[in-house]
C-alpha atoms as a PDB file:
ATOM      1  CA  MET A   1      19.159  91.563  88.312  1.00  0.00           C
ATOM      2  CA  LEU A   2      21.512  88.667  88.270  1.00  0.00           C
ATOM      3  CA  SER A   3      21.474  88.255  84.470  1.00  0.00           C
ATOM      4  CA  PHE A   4      22.380  92.093  84.261  1.00  0.00           C
ATOM      5  CA  ILE A   5      25.417  91.577  86.152  1.00  0.00           C
ATOM      6  CA  LEU A   6      26.468  88.495  84.322  1.00  0.00           C
ATOM      7  CA  LEU A   7      25.942  90.334  81.114  1.00  0.00           C
ATOM      8  CA  PHE A   8      27.969  93.257  82.231  1.00  0.00           C
ATOM      9  CA  PHE A   9      31.100  90.969  83.103  1.00  0.00           C
ATOM     10  CA  ALA A  10      30.709  89.222  79.683  1.00  0.00           C
ATOM     11  CA  CYS A  11      30.667  92.411  77.822  1.00  0.00           C
ATOM     12  CA  ALA A  12      33.662  93.841  79.847  1.00  0.00           C
ATOM     13  CA  ASP A  13      35.847  90.768  78.967  1.00  0.00           C
ATOM     14  CA  SER A  14      34.884  90.895  75.345  1.00  0.00           C
ATOM     15  CA  GLN A  15      36.072  94.721  75.206  1.00  0.00           C
ATOM     16  CA  LYS A  16      39.978  93.876  76.233  1.00  0.00           C
ATOM     17  CA  THR A  17      42.440  94.278  73.775  1.00  0.00           C
ATOM     18  CA  PRO A  18      44.302  91.410  72.428  1.00  0.00           C
ATOM     19  CA  ALA A  19      47.853  90.610  73.716  1.00  0.00           C
ATOM     20  CA  LYS A  20      50.761  92.035  71.394  1.00  0.00           C
ATOM     21  CA  ASP A  21      52.922  89.294  69.950  1.00  0.00           C
ATOM     22  CA  CYS A  22      56.469  89.554  71.481  1.00  0.00           C
ATOM     23  CA  PRO A  23      59.326  89.817  69.106  1.00  0.00           C
ATOM     24  CA  GLN A  24      61.225  86.723  68.447  1.00  0.00           C
ATOM     25  CA  CYS A  25      64.395  86.130  70.467  1.00  0.00           C
ATOM     26  CA  PRO A  26      67.695  86.196  68.369  1.00  0.00           C
ATOM     27  CA  GLU A  27      69.668  83.016  67.653  1.00  0.00           C
ATOM     28  CA  CYS A  28      72.530  82.466  69.834  1.00  0.00           C
ATOM     29  CA  PRO A  29      75.853  82.241  67.809  1.00  0.00           C
ATOM     30  CA  GLN A  30      77.344  78.600  67.699  1.00  0.00           C
ATOM     31  CA  ALA A  31      80.441  78.431  69.852  1.00  0.00           C
ATOM     32  CA  GLU A  32      83.542  77.915  67.936  1.00  0.00           C
ATOM     33  CA  LYS A  33      85.311  74.502  68.868  1.00  0.00           C
ATOM     34  CA  SER A  34      89.010  75.115  69.718  1.00  0.00           C
ATOM     35  CA  PRO A  35      91.466  72.372  69.326  1.00  0.00           C
ATOM     36  CA  SER A  36      92.951  73.283  72.776  1.00  0.00           C
ATOM     37  CA  LYS A  37      89.621  72.642  74.413  1.00  0.00           C
ATOM     38  CA  SER A  38      89.367  68.848  73.296  1.00  0.00           C
ATOM     39  CA  THR A  39      89.062  66.247  75.868  1.00  0.00           C
ATOM     40  CA  ALA A  40      91.032  63.474  73.764  1.00  0.00           C
ATOM     41  CA  LEU A  41      94.550  63.076  75.040  1.00  0.00           C
ATOM     42  CA  THR A  42      97.588  63.419  72.916  1.00  0.00           C
ATOM     43  CA  ALA A  43     100.343  60.774  72.899  1.00  0.00           C
ATOM     44  CA  THR A  44     102.543  63.204  74.987  1.00  0.00           C
ATOM     45  CA  GLU A  45     100.006  63.617  77.628  1.00  0.00           C
ATOM     46  CA  MET A  46      99.121  60.076  77.800  1.00  0.00           C
ATOM     47  CA  ASP A  47     103.123  59.205  78.274  1.00  0.00           C
ATOM     48  CA  LEU A  48     102.986  61.841  81.217  1.00  0.00           C
ATOM     49  CA  ILE A  49      99.886  60.591  83.182  1.00  0.00           C
ATOM     50  CA  SER A  50      99.905  56.803  82.361  1.00  0.00           C
ATOM     51  CA  ALA A  51     101.882  55.952  85.563  1.00  0.00           C
ATOM     52  CA  SER A  52      99.628  58.013  87.503  1.00  0.00           C
ATOM     53  CA  LEU A  53      96.582  56.643  85.937  1.00  0.00           C
ATOM     54  CA  GLU A  54      98.011  52.963  86.592  1.00  0.00           C
ATOM     55  CA  ASP A  55      98.652  53.848  90.311  1.00  0.00           C
ATOM     56  CA  ILE A  56      94.916  55.115  90.791  1.00  0.00           C
ATOM     57  CA  ARG A  57      93.563  52.162  89.077  1.00  0.00           C
ATOM     58  CA  ALA A  58      95.527  49.935  91.411  1.00  0.00           C
ATOM     59  CA  GLY A  59      94.166  51.777  94.399  1.00  0.00           C
ATOM     60  CA  ILE A  60      94.942  51.168  98.005  1.00  0.00           C
ATOM     61  CA  ARG A  61      96.794  47.932  98.513  1.00  0.00           C
ATOM     62  CA  GLY A  62      99.031  45.826 100.583  1.00  0.00           C
ATOM     63  CA  PHE A  63     102.816  46.880 100.681  1.00  0.00           C
ATOM     64  CA  ASP A  64     103.898  43.365 100.055  1.00  0.00           C
ATOM     65  CA  ASP A  65     102.424  39.934 100.646  1.00  0.00           C
ATOM     66  CA  GLN A  66     103.096  39.827 104.412  1.00  0.00           C
ATOM     67  CA  SER A  67     101.691  43.367 105.009  1.00  0.00           C
ATOM     68  CA  ILE A  68      98.000  42.555 106.219  1.00  0.00           C
ATOM     69  CA  GLY A  69      97.162  40.169 108.916  1.00  0.00           C
ATOM     70  CA  ILE A  70      98.158  38.961 112.206  1.00  0.00           C
ATOM     71  CA  CYS A  71     101.616  38.918 113.698  1.00  0.00           C
ATOM     72  CA  LYS A  72     103.437  37.586 116.702  1.00  0.00           C
ATOM     73  CA  GLY A  73     104.547  40.681 118.691  1.00  0.00           C
ATOM     74  CA  SER A  74     103.311  43.698 120.346  1.00  0.00           C
ATOM     75  CA  GLY A  75     102.660  47.235 119.374  1.00  0.00           C
ATOM     76  CA  LYS A  76     104.041  48.026 115.891  1.00  0.00           C
ATOM     77  CA  ASN A  77     106.471  45.250 115.946  1.00  0.00           C
ATOM     78  CA  CYS A  78     105.736  42.230 113.649  1.00  0.00           C
ATOM     79  CA  GLU A  79     108.151  39.524 114.910  1.00  0.00           C
ATOM     80  CA  GLN A  80     106.549  36.779 112.781  1.00  0.00           C
ATOM     81  CA  PHE A  81     103.807  37.179 110.158  1.00  0.00           C
ATOM     82  CA  LEU A  82     101.018  34.362 110.457  1.00  0.00           C
ATOM     83  CA  GLY A  83      98.515  35.294 108.000  1.00  0.00           C
ATOM     84  CA  GLN A  84      95.184  36.928 107.582  1.00  0.00           C
ATOM     85  CA  ASP A  85      93.594  33.842 109.546  1.00  0.00           C
ATOM     86  CA  ALA A  86      95.061  32.439 112.816  1.00  0.00           C
ATOM     87  CA  ALA A  87      93.218  29.636 114.660  1.00  0.00           C
ATOM     88  CA  ASP A  88      93.818  28.832 118.521  1.00  0.00           C
ATOM     89  CA  LEU A  89      96.757  31.033 118.947  1.00  0.00           C
ATOM     90  CA  PRO A  90      99.399  29.683 121.476  1.00  0.00           C
ATOM     91  CA  GLU A  91     100.283  31.601 124.457  1.00  0.00           C
ATOM     92  CA  GLY A  92     101.785  35.172 123.774  1.00  0.00           C
ATOM     93  CA  ASN A  93     101.105  38.533 122.386  1.00  0.00           C
ATOM     94  CA  TYR A  94      99.837  39.227 118.820  1.00  0.00           C
ATOM     95  CA  VAL A  95      98.721  42.074 116.771  1.00  0.00           C
ATOM     96  CA  LEU A  96      96.478  42.630 113.765  1.00  0.00           C
ATOM     97  CA  TYR A  97      98.061  45.145 111.476  1.00  0.00           C
ATOM     98  CA  ALA A  98      98.093  46.662 107.820  1.00  0.00           C
ATOM     99  CA  LYS A  99     100.961  48.260 105.990  1.00  0.00           C
ATOM    100  CA  LEU A 100      99.361  49.892 102.929  1.00  0.00           C
ATOM    101  CA  LEU A 101     100.327  51.820  99.883  1.00  0.00           C
ATOM    102  CA  ALA A 102      98.003  54.435  98.392  1.00  0.00           C
ATOM    103  CA  PRO A 103      97.715  56.159  94.986  1.00  0.00           C
ATOM    104  CA  LYS A 104     100.262  59.193  94.985  1.00  0.00           C
ATOM    105  CA  ILE A 105      97.513  61.493  93.849  1.00  0.00           C
ATOM    106  CA  LYS A 106      95.680  62.613  97.070  1.00  0.00           C
ATOM    107  CA  LYS A 107      91.902  62.664  96.949  1.00  0.00           C
ATOM    108  CA  GLY A 108      90.337  65.076  99.469  1.00  0.00           C
ATOM    109  CA  LYS A 109      91.050  64.237 103.057  1.00  0.00           C
ATOM    110  CA  GLY A 110      92.915  61.129 101.887  1.00  0.00           C
ATOM    111  CA  TRP A 111      91.992  57.525 100.712  1.00  0.00           C
ATOM    112  CA  GLN A 112      89.434  56.015 102.848  1.00  0.00           C
ATOM    113  CA  VAL A 113      90.032  52.618 104.776  1.00  0.00           C
ATOM    114  CA  ASP A 114      87.407  51.209 106.998  1.00  0.00           C
ATOM    115  CA  TYR A 115      88.356  48.630 109.552  1.00  0.00           C
ATOM    116  CA  SER A 116      85.815  46.630 111.653  1.00  0.00           C
ATOM    117  CA  LYS A 117      86.045  43.574 113.901  1.00  0.00           C
ATOM    118  CA  GLU A 118      83.513  41.273 115.486  1.00  0.00           C
ATOM    119  CA  CYS A 119      84.432  39.085 118.551  1.00  0.00           C
ATOM    120  CA  LYS A 120      82.621  36.333 120.542  1.00  0.00           C
ATOM    121  CA  ILE A 121      83.954  35.824 123.860  1.00  0.00           C
ATOM    122  CA  ILE A 122      82.754  32.263 125.303  1.00  0.00           C
ATOM    123  CA  LYS A 123      83.011  31.690 128.959  1.00  0.00           C
ATOM    124  CA  LYS A 124      82.292  28.555 130.684  1.00  0.00           C
ATOM    125  CA  ASN A 125      80.302  28.807 133.942  1.00  0.00           C
ATOM    126  CA  LYS A 126      78.565  26.366 136.378  1.00  0.00           C
ATOM    127  CA  ASN A 127      75.300  26.773 134.140  1.00  0.00           C
ATOM    128  CA  GLY A 128      77.059  25.884 130.734  1.00  0.00           C
ATOM    129  CA  GLU A 129      78.535  28.858 129.041  1.00  0.00           C
ATOM    130  CA  SER A 130      77.891  32.624 128.453  1.00  0.00           C
ATOM    131  CA  VAL A 131      78.439  34.583 125.194  1.00  0.00           C
ATOM    132  CA  THR A 132      79.434  38.239 124.904  1.00  0.00           C
ATOM    133  CA  ASN A 133      79.587  39.842 121.575  1.00  0.00           C
ATOM    134  CA  ASN A 134      81.932  42.797 120.956  1.00  0.00           C
ATOM    135  CA  THR A 135      82.179  44.795 117.886  1.00  0.00           C
ATOM    136  CA  TYR A 136      84.426  47.827 116.861  1.00  0.00           C
ATOM    137  CA  SER A 137      84.884  49.891 113.794  1.00  0.00           C
ATOM    138  CA  LYS A 138      86.992  52.676 112.673  1.00  0.00           C
ATOM    139  CA  GLU A 139      87.626  54.933 109.570  1.00  0.00           C
ATOM    140  CA  TYR A 140      90.959  55.989 108.399  1.00  0.00           C
ATOM    141  CA  HIS A 141      92.006  58.319 105.767  1.00  0.00           C
ATOM    142  CA  ILE A 142      95.577  57.616 104.397  1.00  0.00           C
ATOM    143  CA  GLY A 143      97.875  59.391 102.161  1.00  0.00           C
ATOM    144  CA  SER A 144     100.754  58.457  99.739  1.00  0.00           C
ATOM    145  CA  ASN A 145     103.944  57.531 101.289  1.00  0.00           C
ATOM    146  CA  PRO A 146     106.587  55.350  99.434  1.00  0.00           C
ATOM    147  CA  LYS A 147     107.611  53.504 102.768  1.00  0.00           C
ATOM    148  CA  GLY A 148     103.938  52.475 103.210  1.00  0.00           C
ATOM    149  CA  TRP A 149     101.201  53.739 105.623  1.00  0.00           C
ATOM    150  CA  ARG A 150     101.201  51.648 108.741  1.00  0.00           C
ATOM    151  CA  LEU A 151      97.802  50.871 110.627  1.00  0.00           C
ATOM    152  CA  ALA A 152      99.237  49.219 113.685  1.00  0.00           C
ATOM    153  CA  PRO A 153      98.032  47.813 115.951  1.00  0.00           C
ATOM    154  CA  LEU A 154      94.546  47.438 114.688  1.00  0.00           C
ATOM    155  CA  ALA A 155      93.774  45.088 117.356  1.00  0.00           C
ATOM    156  CA  THR A 156      96.092  43.599 120.204  1.00  0.00           C
ATOM    157  CA  ILE A 157      95.535  39.927 120.853  1.00  0.00           C
ATOM    158  CA  LYS A 158      96.460  38.024 124.088  1.00  0.00           C
ATOM    159  CA  SER A 159      96.378  34.289 124.255  1.00  0.00           C
ATOM    160  CA  PRO A 160      95.000  32.728 126.256  1.00  0.00           C
ATOM    161  CA  GLY A 161      91.980  34.759 126.677  1.00  0.00           C
ATOM    162  CA  LYS A 162      91.706  36.011 130.215  1.00  0.00           C
ATOM    163  CA  TYR A 163      87.788  36.251 130.059  1.00  0.00           C
ATOM    164  CA  GLY A 164      87.159  33.266 127.963  1.00  0.00           C
ATOM    165  CA  ARG A 165      87.704  31.822 124.347  1.00  0.00           C
ATOM    166  CA  GLN A 166      87.752  34.506 121.796  1.00  0.00           C
ATOM    167  CA  GLU A 167      86.571  34.032 118.144  1.00  0.00           C
ATOM    168  CA  CYS A 168      87.037  37.015 116.235  1.00  0.00           C
ATOM    169  CA  SER A 169      86.638  38.179 112.619  1.00  0.00           C
ATOM    170  CA  TRP A 170      87.906  41.364 110.931  1.00  0.00           C
ATOM    171  CA  LYS A 171      87.571  43.341 107.784  1.00  0.00           C
ATOM    172  CA  LEU A 172      89.285  46.177 105.933  1.00  0.00           C
ATOM    173  CA  THR A 173      87.431  47.900 103.079  1.00  0.00           C
ATOM    174  CA  PHE A 174      89.370  50.002 100.717  1.00  0.00           C
ATOM    175  CA  HIS A 175      87.558  52.884  98.958  1.00  0.00           C
ATOM    176  CA  ASN A 176      89.126  53.127  95.412  1.00  0.00           C
ATOM    177  CA  VAL A 177      87.884  55.204  92.534  1.00  0.00           C
ATOM    178  CA  ASN A 178      86.802  51.988  90.715  1.00  0.00           C
ATOM    179  CA  GLY A 179      84.818  50.696  93.680  1.00  0.00           C
ATOM    180  CA  THR A 180      85.506  49.209  97.061  1.00  0.00           C
ATOM    181  CA  GLU A 181      87.768  46.118  98.026  1.00  0.00           C
ATOM    182  CA  GLU A 182      87.404  44.015 100.980  1.00  0.00           C
ATOM    183  CA  ILE A 183      90.006  41.963 102.830  1.00  0.00           C
ATOM    184  CA  THR A 184      88.961  39.695 105.730  1.00  0.00           C
ATOM    185  CA  GLY A 185      90.426  37.237 108.123  1.00  0.00           C
ATOM    186  CA  SER A 186      89.916  35.763 111.698  1.00  0.00           C
ATOM    187  CA  TRP A 187      91.587  34.732 114.749  1.00  0.00           C
ATOM    188  CA  SER A 188      90.806  32.613 117.859  1.00  0.00           C
ATOM    189  CA  VAL A 189      92.471  32.162 121.231  1.00  0.00           C
ATOM    190  CA  PRO A 190      91.733  29.508 123.772  1.00  0.00           C
ATOM    191  CA  ALA A 191      90.331  30.337 127.272  1.00  0.00           C
ATOM    192  CA  GLN A 192      92.670  30.858 129.923  1.00  0.00           C
ATOM    193  CA  GLU A 193      92.766  27.805 132.382  1.00  0.00           C
END
């Protein structure tokens, strides 16, 4: 009986009609190339965009040679520029600030600048010393401003340190179209007596 069922299915498959051949699809016509669609720049176009291209390639940058670092002063005021690194700051108030230029062509929500700082606070006590680590980071989006874009104060610094000696490092990361650029620095203040 089983062989009869198998024979039936085998014969049923052999009686099916073969599939018909599908007609061949027509060829797509070649798109005509138009000179106005060319990606090559003409000399006139290059003259128009060369300044913008140089600005974009320069990316985010300091307004001048004293625009990123530590200043004597408070708030947004920079009474005296001290540089990117300042060790054992004398008594007084200081700020970390940045005055930046960005390309004139805006990108999305602006040109991204990341700021981070890491501080170690060392306090002497009767058992020796204790160390506390403090970290902070923030993301900024800046636009174009011919007078510069001020990020101030990124950090306020008071010397001497009320809670102990401070040893801090900081970093600004500029996100440009041709990659990232980092600017780093540090400061320290003695412990209050």
